[in-house]
N, C-alpha and C. Protein backbone atom coordinates (compact mmCIF):
# COMPACT_ATOMS: atom_id res chain seq x y z
N UNK A 1 183.61 101.43 204.48
CA UNK A 1 183.54 100.04 204.09
C UNK A 1 183.26 99.85 202.60
N UNK A 2 182.37 100.64 201.98
CA UNK A 2 182.14 100.46 200.54
C UNK A 2 183.40 100.68 199.71
N UNK A 3 184.24 101.61 200.14
CA UNK A 3 185.45 101.87 199.36
C UNK A 3 186.41 100.68 199.46
N UNK A 4 186.43 100.00 200.59
CA UNK A 4 187.29 98.82 200.72
C UNK A 4 186.82 97.71 199.79
N UNK A 5 185.51 97.56 199.65
CA UNK A 5 184.96 96.56 198.75
C UNK A 5 185.25 96.93 197.30
N UNK A 6 185.12 98.20 196.98
CA UNK A 6 185.38 98.65 195.61
C UNK A 6 186.83 98.46 195.21
N UNK A 7 187.71 98.64 196.16
CA UNK A 7 189.14 98.46 195.88
C UNK A 7 189.43 97.00 195.54
N UNK A 8 188.65 96.09 196.11
CA UNK A 8 188.85 94.67 195.82
C UNK A 8 188.14 94.23 194.55
N UNK A 9 186.96 94.79 194.25
CA UNK A 9 186.10 94.25 193.20
C UNK A 9 186.01 95.09 191.93
N UNK A 10 186.08 96.39 192.05
CA UNK A 10 185.92 97.28 190.89
C UNK A 10 187.28 97.50 190.24
N UNK A 11 187.46 97.08 188.97
CA UNK A 11 188.77 97.20 188.34
C UNK A 11 189.24 98.65 188.17
N UNK A 12 188.33 99.57 187.89
CA UNK A 12 188.71 100.97 187.71
C UNK A 12 189.20 101.59 189.01
N UNK A 13 188.45 101.39 190.07
CA UNK A 13 188.84 101.95 191.36
C UNK A 13 190.03 101.22 191.96
N UNK A 14 190.20 99.95 191.62
CA UNK A 14 191.36 99.20 192.09
C UNK A 14 192.64 99.79 191.51
N UNK A 15 192.63 100.10 190.22
CA UNK A 15 193.79 100.73 189.58
C UNK A 15 194.05 102.11 190.19
N UNK A 16 193.00 102.87 190.42
CA UNK A 16 193.12 104.19 191.03
C UNK A 16 193.76 104.10 192.41
N UNK A 17 193.28 103.17 193.23
CA UNK A 17 193.81 102.99 194.58
C UNK A 17 195.28 102.54 194.56
N UNK A 18 195.58 101.59 193.69
CA UNK A 18 196.95 101.08 193.61
C UNK A 18 197.93 102.14 193.09
N UNK A 19 197.43 103.07 192.30
CA UNK A 19 198.28 104.16 191.82
C UNK A 19 198.55 105.17 192.94
N UNK A 20 197.56 105.42 193.78
CA UNK A 20 197.71 106.41 194.85
C UNK A 20 198.43 105.87 196.09
N UNK A 21 198.25 104.61 196.40
CA UNK A 21 198.74 104.03 197.64
C UNK A 21 200.23 104.26 197.88
N UNK A 22 201.13 104.01 196.92
CA UNK A 22 202.56 104.21 197.21
C UNK A 22 202.94 105.69 197.40
N UNK A 23 202.15 106.60 196.85
CA UNK A 23 202.47 108.03 196.93
C UNK A 23 202.08 108.64 198.27
N UNK A 24 201.19 108.01 198.99
CA UNK A 24 200.68 108.57 200.25
C UNK A 24 201.42 107.97 201.44
N UNK A 25 201.48 108.73 202.52
CA UNK A 25 202.15 108.27 203.74
C UNK A 25 201.41 107.09 204.37
N UNK A 26 200.08 107.13 204.32
CA UNK A 26 199.27 106.06 204.89
C UNK A 26 198.28 105.57 203.84
N UNK A 27 198.04 104.27 203.78
CA UNK A 27 197.07 103.73 202.80
C UNK A 27 195.66 104.28 203.01
N UNK A 28 195.36 104.73 204.23
CA UNK A 28 194.03 105.26 204.52
C UNK A 28 193.74 106.51 203.69
N UNK A 29 194.75 107.30 203.38
CA UNK A 29 194.57 108.51 202.58
C UNK A 29 194.11 108.13 201.18
N UNK A 30 194.70 107.09 200.61
CA UNK A 30 194.29 106.62 199.28
C UNK A 30 192.87 106.06 199.34
N UNK A 31 192.53 105.40 200.42
CA UNK A 31 191.19 104.86 200.58
C UNK A 31 190.14 105.97 200.67
N UNK A 32 190.48 107.06 201.32
CA UNK A 32 189.58 108.20 201.40
C UNK A 32 189.39 108.84 200.03
N UNK A 33 190.44 108.84 199.21
CA UNK A 33 190.31 109.35 197.85
C UNK A 33 189.34 108.48 197.05
N UNK A 34 189.38 107.18 197.27
CA UNK A 34 188.42 106.28 196.61
C UNK A 34 187.01 106.57 197.09
N UNK A 35 186.84 106.84 198.40
CA UNK A 35 185.53 107.19 198.94
C UNK A 35 184.97 108.43 198.26
N UNK A 36 185.84 109.42 198.11
CA UNK A 36 185.41 110.68 197.47
C UNK A 36 184.99 110.43 196.03
N UNK A 37 185.77 109.62 195.32
CA UNK A 37 185.45 109.29 193.94
C UNK A 37 184.11 108.56 193.85
N UNK A 38 183.85 107.67 194.79
CA UNK A 38 182.57 106.96 194.84
C UNK A 38 181.40 107.92 195.07
N UNK A 39 181.58 108.84 196.01
CA UNK A 39 180.52 109.81 196.29
C UNK A 39 180.22 110.68 195.08
N UNK A 40 181.25 111.13 194.40
CA UNK A 40 181.05 111.95 193.21
C UNK A 40 180.34 111.15 192.13
N UNK A 41 180.73 109.89 191.96
CA UNK A 41 180.09 109.02 190.98
C UNK A 41 178.61 108.83 191.30
N UNK A 42 178.29 108.55 192.58
CA UNK A 42 176.89 108.36 192.97
C UNK A 42 176.07 109.63 192.75
N UNK A 43 176.63 110.77 193.12
CA UNK A 43 175.90 112.03 192.95
C UNK A 43 175.65 112.32 191.47
N UNK A 44 176.67 112.09 190.64
CA UNK A 44 176.53 112.36 189.21
C UNK A 44 175.48 111.45 188.58
N UNK A 45 175.50 110.17 188.94
CA UNK A 45 174.50 109.24 188.41
C UNK A 45 173.10 109.63 188.86
N UNK A 46 172.96 110.02 190.11
CA UNK A 46 171.65 110.43 190.63
C UNK A 46 171.17 111.70 189.95
N UNK A 47 172.05 112.68 189.80
CA UNK A 47 171.67 113.96 189.22
C UNK A 47 171.25 113.81 187.75
N UNK A 48 171.97 112.98 187.00
CA UNK A 48 171.67 112.80 185.58
C UNK A 48 170.67 111.68 185.32
N UNK A 49 170.20 111.05 186.41
CA UNK A 49 169.24 109.94 186.32
C UNK A 49 169.73 108.86 185.36
N UNK A 50 170.97 108.42 185.58
CA UNK A 50 171.58 107.39 184.75
C UNK A 50 171.83 106.14 185.58
N UNK A 51 172.11 105.06 184.88
CA UNK A 51 172.44 103.79 185.50
C UNK A 51 173.95 103.60 185.38
N UNK A 52 174.56 102.98 186.38
CA UNK A 52 176.01 102.76 186.37
C UNK A 52 176.40 101.83 185.24
N UNK A 53 177.39 102.22 184.47
CA UNK A 53 177.93 101.42 183.39
C UNK A 53 179.37 101.06 183.76
N UNK A 54 179.61 99.79 184.05
CA UNK A 54 180.93 99.35 184.49
C UNK A 54 181.99 99.52 183.40
N UNK A 55 181.59 99.54 182.15
CA UNK A 55 182.55 99.64 181.04
C UNK A 55 182.68 101.06 180.52
N UNK A 56 182.20 102.03 181.28
CA UNK A 56 182.23 103.43 180.85
C UNK A 56 183.65 103.91 180.61
N UNK A 57 184.56 103.62 181.53
CA UNK A 57 185.95 104.07 181.40
C UNK A 57 186.61 103.48 180.16
N UNK A 58 186.36 102.21 179.88
CA UNK A 58 186.94 101.56 178.71
C UNK A 58 186.41 102.21 177.43
N UNK A 59 185.11 102.46 177.39
CA UNK A 59 184.51 103.11 176.22
C UNK A 59 185.07 104.51 176.03
N UNK A 60 185.26 105.23 177.13
CA UNK A 60 185.78 106.59 177.07
C UNK A 60 187.21 106.59 176.52
N UNK A 61 188.04 105.65 176.96
CA UNK A 61 189.41 105.56 176.48
C UNK A 61 189.44 105.21 174.99
N UNK A 62 188.57 104.31 174.54
CA UNK A 62 188.51 103.94 173.13
C UNK A 62 188.08 105.13 172.29
N UNK A 63 187.14 105.93 172.81
CA UNK A 63 186.67 107.11 172.09
C UNK A 63 187.81 108.12 171.93
N UNK A 64 188.60 108.32 172.99
CA UNK A 64 189.72 109.26 172.93
C UNK A 64 190.78 108.78 171.93
N UNK A 65 191.03 107.47 171.89
CA UNK A 65 192.00 106.92 170.95
C UNK A 65 191.52 107.12 169.51
N UNK A 66 190.23 106.92 169.29
CA UNK A 66 189.68 107.10 167.95
C UNK A 66 189.78 108.56 167.51
N UNK A 67 189.48 109.48 168.43
CA UNK A 67 189.58 110.91 168.10
C UNK A 67 191.03 111.31 167.84
N UNK A 68 191.96 110.75 168.60
CA UNK A 68 193.38 111.05 168.39
C UNK A 68 193.84 110.53 167.04
N UNK A 69 193.36 109.36 166.65
CA UNK A 69 193.72 108.80 165.34
C UNK A 69 193.16 109.68 164.22
N UNK A 70 191.95 110.19 164.40
CA UNK A 70 191.37 111.08 163.40
C UNK A 70 192.18 112.37 163.29
N UNK A 71 192.61 112.90 164.42
CA UNK A 71 193.42 114.11 164.41
C UNK A 71 194.74 113.88 163.71
N UNK A 72 195.37 112.73 163.97
CA UNK A 72 196.64 112.42 163.33
C UNK A 72 196.47 112.29 161.82
N UNK A 73 195.37 111.68 161.38
CA UNK A 73 195.10 111.56 159.95
C UNK A 73 194.89 112.93 159.31
N UNK A 74 194.18 113.80 160.00
CA UNK A 74 193.91 115.13 159.49
C UNK A 74 195.21 115.93 159.38
N UNK A 75 196.06 115.83 160.37
CA UNK A 75 197.34 116.53 160.34
C UNK A 75 198.21 116.01 159.22
N UNK A 76 198.21 114.70 159.01
CA UNK A 76 199.00 114.10 157.93
C UNK A 76 198.50 114.59 156.57
N UNK A 77 197.20 114.73 156.42
CA UNK A 77 196.64 115.22 155.15
C UNK A 77 197.00 116.67 154.92
N UNK A 78 197.00 117.47 155.98
CA UNK A 78 197.33 118.90 155.84
C UNK A 78 198.81 119.10 155.51
N UNK A 79 199.66 118.26 156.06
CA UNK A 79 201.10 118.39 155.83
C UNK A 79 201.44 117.95 154.40
N UNK A 80 200.73 116.94 153.89
CA UNK A 80 201.04 116.41 152.55
C UNK A 80 200.71 117.35 151.45
């Protein structure tokens, strides 16, 4: 049941579920993948004694884009 709620309310898990659903024979398989992702998330937060950050994925993507831009600038400087 928690995974069904997450698929409706959590934007990150909603995108994950919608990406998996057409690839699987039954929608239940995609829902179980969401359950697994939730369990891993809960365990990781508990183990590291952290609080859930809903914008974590967005921040992570922005960080990767910034690092990629730095790499591109460095390569451009080396080539010049």
